[in-house]
């Protein structure tokens, strides 16, 4: 009983030991059942977050050890052929995961595109349709004022002033939703326009310096604009900063963008607890960049400001 209990509670083999053991078993016994164990090893490797490089290195070590024990050239050829089948089966879960990731990226791109189309439609409605209605109201008030006394005309004037404020707010909301300059001139002029609007509205100094010229694909420009927009919103809401510096430059086939402020900063180790680090805005930034094959890095420390660094490949096929 004691011996059986020790066997049941024995230490589980490491992944490396299990791989060599199953590889040997496949070489000795063969068959689909033993080959199927390679597929299970592949799933276990993904669960343990082992990279393809690590798996290939492990297979190479096992193959090299078994090759040294092979008796002749025929055995080595047989070993290499069996090893190729075993590794291919072990890598099949990675292939399935990669296909799933590609499908997810495609769906995310389509979702972002649909979202931007809806935002365009809303921005158009806010700017143009609401503007036309306000013009009609102004004309109606002007006709009404001609029939009223001086006292009532003053009241009409105050109403028109309020309507002008409403029009200004609607115009600002429309530009923030989807500025026309983004579609007409590109993301750099759109960011400069956004920086000027933010500086005027909240008194935050936003300096934009760029070495990037020319247009980029629409999806790339929209993503970069949205990330800068969200970063500025976070700075306004949380950072208590006085200055923001936005830099953009190209490095070989990579676009780099940095958004840095001199605000309060935060502890990046509190991912789920800090609203700036773990909020939905940051999740949206990462998802938008991930769909294009880009990365987002955050550097911050309490009292020392925050910097967001964007790296985005500029190859023809993003995210592949």
Foldseek 3Di string as FASTA:
>chain_A
DVVVVCVVPDDDDDLLVVVLVLLVVCLVPNDDVSLLVLLVSLVVCVVVVHDPVNVVVSLVVSLVVVLVVDDDPVRNVSSVVSSVSSVVSNCVVVVVVVVVVLVVLVVLLVVVVVVLVVLLVVLCCLQPVVVVVLVVVLVVLVVVLVVDDPVVVVVSVVVNVVSVVVNVVSNVVSCLSPNPCCVVPRQLVSVVVVQVVLCVPPVAAEAEEEPDDDHAPSLVRVLVNLLSSLVVVCCVVPFPFRYWYWYWYDDVQKIKIKIWTQGQWDDLVPQCPDCVRPPPSVVVSQSSQLSFQKDWDWDTDGRGTIMIMIIGGRDPRGND
